[in-house]
Amino acid sequence: MIVFDLTSHSSLQKVENWYKQAIEEIDEENFTLFLVGNKSDLQRIIDEEEGLKLAKQIGAEYWEVSSKEGINTTELFGNLKK
């Protein structure tokens, strides 16, 4: 799971680097990668299309959540169990 801040372009720009680091650490060939935009309850700078585009580029499922408000967190973590 790679989590970035929907209110920060600099956070989104770090995703590719975090992705490369994660891939180097993964021992398994088959895995599901989640790209998660957090702070969906706040004034966002990153729109959903931008997040979806990046998720597609790195082969990840895309989720937008608010950990503070609990928006989509239960659904996201439910998908981790599958």
Protein backbone atom coordinates (compact mmCIF):
# COMPACT_ATOMS: atom_id res chain seq x y z
CA MET A 1 0.00 0.00 0.00
CA ILE A 2 1.34 3.39 -1.00
CA VAL A 3 -0.41 6.32 0.67
CA PHE A 4 -0.18 9.93 -0.43
CA ASP A 5 -1.80 13.17 0.71
CA LEU A 6 -4.60 14.49 -1.55
CA THR A 7 -3.79 18.01 -0.32
CA SER A 8 -0.14 17.96 -1.42
CA HIS A 9 1.43 17.81 -4.89
CA SER A 10 4.81 17.03 -3.33
CA SER A 11 3.31 13.93 -1.70
CA LEU A 12 1.97 12.72 -5.06
CA GLN A 13 5.33 13.36 -6.73
CA LYS A 14 6.99 11.00 -4.24
CA VAL A 15 4.76 8.05 -5.20
CA GLU A 16 6.96 6.84 -8.05
CA ASN A 17 9.98 6.75 -5.75
CA TRP A 18 8.02 4.93 -3.04
CA TYR A 19 6.77 2.50 -5.70
CA LYS A 20 10.34 1.69 -6.81
CA GLN A 21 11.39 1.13 -3.20
CA ALA A 22 8.40 -1.14 -2.55
CA ILE A 23 9.03 -3.25 -5.65
CA GLU A 24 12.65 -3.81 -4.55
CA GLU A 25 11.43 -5.12 -1.18
CA ILE A 26 8.68 -7.45 -2.41
CA ASP A 27 9.69 -11.12 -2.60
CA GLU A 28 6.47 -12.39 -4.13
CA GLU A 29 5.67 -12.38 -7.84
CA ASN A 30 1.92 -12.05 -7.35
CA PHE A 31 0.72 -9.22 -5.17
CA THR A 32 -1.90 -6.50 -5.16
CA LEU A 33 -0.71 -2.93 -4.92
CA PHE A 34 -2.97 -0.21 -3.53
CA LEU A 35 -2.45 3.49 -4.19
CA VAL A 36 -4.34 5.38 -1.51
CA GLY A 37 -5.11 9.10 -1.53
CA ASN A 38 -5.68 10.16 2.07
CA LYS A 39 -7.39 13.28 3.50
CA SER A 40 -10.38 13.14 1.15
CA ASP A 41 -12.29 15.12 3.80
CA LEU A 42 -10.12 18.21 3.26
CA GLN A 43 -9.72 20.75 0.45
CA ARG A 44 -7.99 18.63 -2.13
CA ILE A 45 -5.36 19.65 -4.65
CA ILE A 46 -5.12 16.26 -6.37
CA ASP A 47 -8.25 15.29 -8.28
CA GLU A 48 -9.49 11.73 -8.67
CA GLU A 49 -8.49 11.53 -12.34
CA GLU A 50 -4.87 12.32 -11.49
CA GLY A 51 -4.81 9.61 -8.82
CA LEU A 52 -6.45 7.08 -11.14
CA LYS A 53 -3.95 7.86 -13.89
CA LEU A 54 -0.97 7.28 -11.60
CA ALA A 55 -2.51 4.11 -10.18
CA LYS A 56 -2.90 2.76 -13.71
CA GLN A 57 0.74 3.60 -14.52
CA ILE A 58 2.03 1.59 -11.56
CA GLY A 59 -0.56 -1.20 -11.81
CA ALA A 60 -2.34 -0.39 -8.56
CA GLU A 61 -5.91 -0.32 -7.32
CA TYR A 62 -6.89 3.24 -6.46
CA TRP A 63 -8.67 4.32 -3.28
CA GLU A 64 -9.47 7.66 -1.72
CA VAL A 65 -9.94 7.69 2.04
CA SER A 66 -10.11 9.91 5.08
CA SER A 67 -8.46 8.25 8.02
CA LYS A 68 -9.70 11.08 10.26
CA GLU A 69 -13.36 10.69 9.22
CA GLY A 70 -13.20 6.94 8.52
CA ILE A 71 -14.32 7.38 4.90
CA ASN A 72 -13.62 4.21 2.84
CA THR A 73 -11.14 2.88 5.41
CA THR A 74 -13.19 -0.18 6.34
CA GLU A 75 -13.73 -1.01 2.67
CA LEU A 76 -10.04 -0.56 1.85
CA PHE A 77 -8.83 -2.77 4.68
CA GLY A 78 -11.51 -5.32 3.83
CA ASN A 79 -9.96 -5.61 0.37
CA LEU A 80 -6.53 -6.24 1.87
CA LYS A 81 -7.82 -9.52 3.32
CA LYS A 82 -8.70 -10.95 -0.09
